[in-house]
Amino acid sequence: MGADSETQSVSMTASAAKRVAAMIAQDGGGGLMLRVSVSGGGCSGFQYGFSFDDAVNADDRTFERDGVTLVVDEVSLDLLAGSEVDYVEELIGASFQINNPQATSSCGCGSSFAI
């Protein structure tokens, strides 16, 4: 599972970067970053987690877009390599979504997936 660590990356759309920047500014939290993680659970086996963090751990990788930093730990990166974080606004609501090319299936709400 996973590719060479030098080629693993996670990207963020312009829409996601803009929304994260707005949320950080609203919170007054200079130095905050969006942390994306994967944990066991959800209806499909793995579930995505989003949180704000102000620290980078030794096993974290960071990715930047439009001045916004995305943080992913090494274990999650194996499951997220090649993924893109997007922010989507629809009539039923707005949410962060992950387009994960490694996922073989996902749940209806898009918060969990299987490999």
C-alpha atoms as a PDB file:
ATOM      1  CA  MET A   1       0.000   0.000   0.000  1.00  0.00           C
ATOM      2  CA  GLY A   2       1.180   3.537  -0.740  1.00  0.00           C
ATOM      3  CA  ALA A   3       3.851   4.882  -3.024  1.00  0.00           C
ATOM      4  CA  ASP A   4       7.384   6.068  -2.376  1.00  0.00           C
ATOM      5  CA  SER A   5       7.224   8.774   0.307  1.00  0.00           C
ATOM      6  CA  GLU A   6       8.871  11.290  -2.036  1.00  0.00           C
ATOM      7  CA  THR A   7       5.968  11.025  -4.493  1.00  0.00           C
ATOM      8  CA  GLN A   8       3.128  11.015  -1.994  1.00  0.00           C
ATOM      9  CA  SER A   9       1.137  14.214  -1.855  1.00  0.00           C
ATOM     10  CA  VAL A  10      -2.275  15.598  -1.024  1.00  0.00           C
ATOM     11  CA  SER A  11      -3.563  18.720  -2.738  1.00  0.00           C
ATOM     12  CA  MET A  12      -6.251  21.280  -2.029  1.00  0.00           C
ATOM     13  CA  THR A  13      -8.528  23.040  -4.501  1.00  0.00           C
ATOM     14  CA  ALA A  14      -8.642  26.832  -4.638  1.00  0.00           C
ATOM     15  CA  SER A  15     -12.161  26.639  -3.163  1.00  0.00           C
ATOM     16  CA  ALA A  16     -10.936  24.614  -0.169  1.00  0.00           C
ATOM     17  CA  ALA A  17      -7.955  26.920   0.421  1.00  0.00           C
ATOM     18  CA  LYS A  18     -10.210  29.987   0.288  1.00  0.00           C
ATOM     19  CA  ARG A  19     -12.683  28.472   2.782  1.00  0.00           C
ATOM     20  CA  VAL A  20      -9.939  27.370   5.188  1.00  0.00           C
ATOM     21  CA  ALA A  21      -8.363  30.839   5.048  1.00  0.00           C
ATOM     22  CA  ALA A  22     -11.756  32.431   5.795  1.00  0.00           C
ATOM     23  CA  MET A  23     -12.378  30.073   8.733  1.00  0.00           C
ATOM     24  CA  ILE A  24      -8.928  30.749  10.192  1.00  0.00           C
ATOM     25  CA  ALA A  25      -9.382  34.525   9.809  1.00  0.00           C
ATOM     26  CA  GLN A  26     -12.829  34.353  11.420  1.00  0.00           C
ATOM     27  CA  ASP A  27     -11.354  32.396  14.323  1.00  0.00           C
ATOM     28  CA  GLY A  28      -8.517  34.899  14.667  1.00  0.00           C
ATOM     29  CA  GLY A  29      -6.088  31.990  14.629  1.00  0.00           C
ATOM     30  CA  GLY A  30      -2.966  33.026  12.822  1.00  0.00           C
ATOM     31  CA  GLY A  31      -0.697  30.016  12.391  1.00  0.00           C
ATOM     32  CA  LEU A  32      -3.536  27.490  12.222  1.00  0.00           C
ATOM     33  CA  MET A  33      -3.407  24.735   9.612  1.00  0.00           C
ATOM     34  CA  LEU A  34      -6.011  22.277   8.330  1.00  0.00           C
ATOM     35  CA  ARG A  35      -5.214  18.750   9.515  1.00  0.00           C
ATOM     36  CA  VAL A  36      -6.682  15.898   7.484  1.00  0.00           C
ATOM     37  CA  SER A  37      -6.521  12.408   8.955  1.00  0.00           C
ATOM     38  CA  VAL A  38      -7.827   8.908   8.360  1.00  0.00           C
ATOM     39  CA  SER A  39      -8.996   6.596  11.108  1.00  0.00           C
ATOM     40  CA  GLY A  40     -10.631   3.189  11.225  1.00  0.00           C
ATOM     41  CA  GLY A  41     -14.416   3.258  11.334  1.00  0.00           C
ATOM     42  CA  GLY A  42     -17.299   4.734   9.438  1.00  0.00           C
ATOM     43  CA  CYS A  43     -19.673   2.642   7.396  1.00  0.00           C
ATOM     44  CA  SER A  44     -17.032   1.785   4.757  1.00  0.00           C
ATOM     45  CA  GLY A  45     -13.966   0.906   6.863  1.00  0.00           C
ATOM     46  CA  PHE A  46     -12.019   4.180   7.063  1.00  0.00           C
ATOM     47  CA  GLN A  47     -13.232   7.680   7.831  1.00  0.00           C
ATOM     48  CA  TYR A  48     -11.833  11.121   7.125  1.00  0.00           C
ATOM     49  CA  GLY A  49     -11.242  13.638   9.881  1.00  0.00           C
ATOM     50  CA  PHE A  50     -10.767  17.414   9.603  1.00  0.00           C
ATOM     51  CA  SER A  51      -9.465  19.670  12.359  1.00  0.00           C
ATOM     52  CA  PHE A  52      -7.423  22.816  12.860  1.00  0.00           C
ATOM     53  CA  ASP A  53      -3.961  22.496  14.368  1.00  0.00           C
ATOM     54  CA  ASP A  54      -1.174  24.908  15.205  1.00  0.00           C
ATOM     55  CA  ALA A  55       1.602  22.302  15.460  1.00  0.00           C
ATOM     56  CA  VAL A  56       3.429  20.058  13.014  1.00  0.00           C
ATOM     57  CA  ASN A  57       4.518  16.725  14.481  1.00  0.00           C
ATOM     58  CA  ALA A  58       7.653  14.796  13.491  1.00  0.00           C
ATOM     59  CA  ASP A  59       5.638  12.335  11.372  1.00  0.00           C
ATOM     60  CA  ASP A  60       3.607  15.023   9.554  1.00  0.00           C
ATOM     61  CA  ARG A  61       3.881  16.170   5.965  1.00  0.00           C
ATOM     62  CA  THR A  62       2.689  19.638   4.969  1.00  0.00           C
ATOM     63  CA  PHE A  63       1.257  20.848   1.684  1.00  0.00           C
ATOM     64  CA  GLU A  64       0.486  24.455   0.809  1.00  0.00           C
ATOM     65  CA  ARG A  65      -1.967  26.251  -1.479  1.00  0.00           C
ATOM     66  CA  ASP A  66      -2.650  29.983  -1.615  1.00  0.00           C
ATOM     67  CA  GLY A  67      -1.051  30.596   1.784  1.00  0.00           C
ATOM     68  CA  VAL A  68      -3.005  27.811   3.519  1.00  0.00           C
ATOM     69  CA  THR A  69      -1.177  24.808   4.966  1.00  0.00           C
ATOM     70  CA  LEU A  70      -2.603  21.285   4.920  1.00  0.00           C
ATOM     71  CA  VAL A  71      -1.115  18.816   7.426  1.00  0.00           C
ATOM     72  CA  VAL A  72      -1.278  15.015   7.057  1.00  0.00           C
ATOM     73  CA  ASP A  73       0.423  12.407   9.254  1.00  0.00           C
ATOM     74  CA  GLU A  74       2.449   9.627   7.570  1.00  0.00           C
ATOM     75  CA  VAL A  75      -0.045   6.832   8.302  1.00  0.00           C
ATOM     76  CA  SER A  76      -2.946   8.840   6.868  1.00  0.00           C
ATOM     77  CA  LEU A  77      -0.794   9.896   3.919  1.00  0.00           C
ATOM     78  CA  ASP A  78      -0.486   6.260   2.809  1.00  0.00           C
ATOM     79  CA  LEU A  79      -4.293   6.190   2.479  1.00  0.00           C
ATOM     80  CA  LEU A  80      -4.632   9.725   1.080  1.00  0.00           C
ATOM     81  CA  ALA A  81      -1.751   9.837  -1.444  1.00  0.00           C
ATOM     82  CA  GLY A  82      -2.939  11.472  -4.648  1.00  0.00           C
ATOM     83  CA  SER A  83      -6.103  12.849  -3.017  1.00  0.00           C
ATOM     84  CA  GLU A  84      -7.538  16.329  -3.397  1.00  0.00           C
ATOM     85  CA  VAL A  85      -9.379  18.194  -0.634  1.00  0.00           C
ATOM     86  CA  ASP A  86     -12.262  20.233  -2.002  1.00  0.00           C
ATOM     87  CA  TYR A  87     -14.891  22.538  -0.498  1.00  0.00           C
ATOM     88  CA  VAL A  88     -18.299  22.121  -2.077  1.00  0.00           C
ATOM     89  CA  GLU A  89     -21.378  24.304  -1.599  1.00  0.00           C
ATOM     90  CA  GLU A  90     -24.704  22.696  -2.548  1.00  0.00           C
ATOM     91  CA  LEU A  91     -28.354  23.366  -1.770  1.00  0.00           C
ATOM     92  CA  ILE A  92     -28.280  20.771   1.013  1.00  0.00           C
ATOM     93  CA  GLY A  93     -25.217  22.333   2.628  1.00  0.00           C
ATOM     94  CA  ALA A  94     -21.521  22.987   2.311  1.00  0.00           C
ATOM     95  CA  SER A  95     -18.726  20.609   3.230  1.00  0.00           C
ATOM     96  CA  PHE A  96     -15.132  19.608   2.752  1.00  0.00           C
ATOM     97  CA  GLN A  97     -14.838  16.534   0.547  1.00  0.00           C
ATOM     98  CA  ILE A  98     -11.917  14.351  -0.423  1.00  0.00           C
ATOM     99  CA  ASN A  99     -11.480  13.027  -3.934  1.00  0.00           C
ATOM    100  CA  ASN A 100      -9.409   9.922  -3.163  1.00  0.00           C
ATOM    101  CA  PRO A 101      -8.212   7.899  -6.172  1.00  0.00           C
ATOM    102  CA  GLN A 102      -7.308   4.979  -3.878  1.00  0.00           C
ATOM    103  CA  ALA A 103     -10.864   4.527  -2.570  1.00  0.00           C
ATOM    104  CA  THR A 104     -12.652   1.586  -4.168  1.00  0.00           C
ATOM    105  CA  SER A 105     -15.965   2.625  -2.628  1.00  0.00           C
ATOM    106  CA  SER A 106     -17.349   5.271  -0.299  1.00  0.00           C
ATOM    107  CA  CYS A 107     -20.460   5.901   1.724  1.00  0.00           C
ATOM    108  CA  GLY A 108     -23.295   8.114   0.500  1.00  0.00           C
ATOM    109  CA  CYS A 109     -22.190  11.111   2.526  1.00  0.00           C
ATOM    110  CA  GLY A 110     -18.557  10.773   1.421  1.00  0.00           C
ATOM    111  CA  SER A 111     -17.116  10.777   4.951  1.00  0.00           C
ATOM    112  CA  SER A 112     -15.894   7.171   4.860  1.00  0.00           C
ATOM    113  CA  PHE A 113     -14.315   4.917   2.265  1.00  0.00           C
ATOM    114  CA  ALA A 114     -12.897   1.469   1.541  1.00  0.00           C
ATOM    115  CA  ILE A 115      -9.672   0.458  -0.189  1.00  0.00           C
END
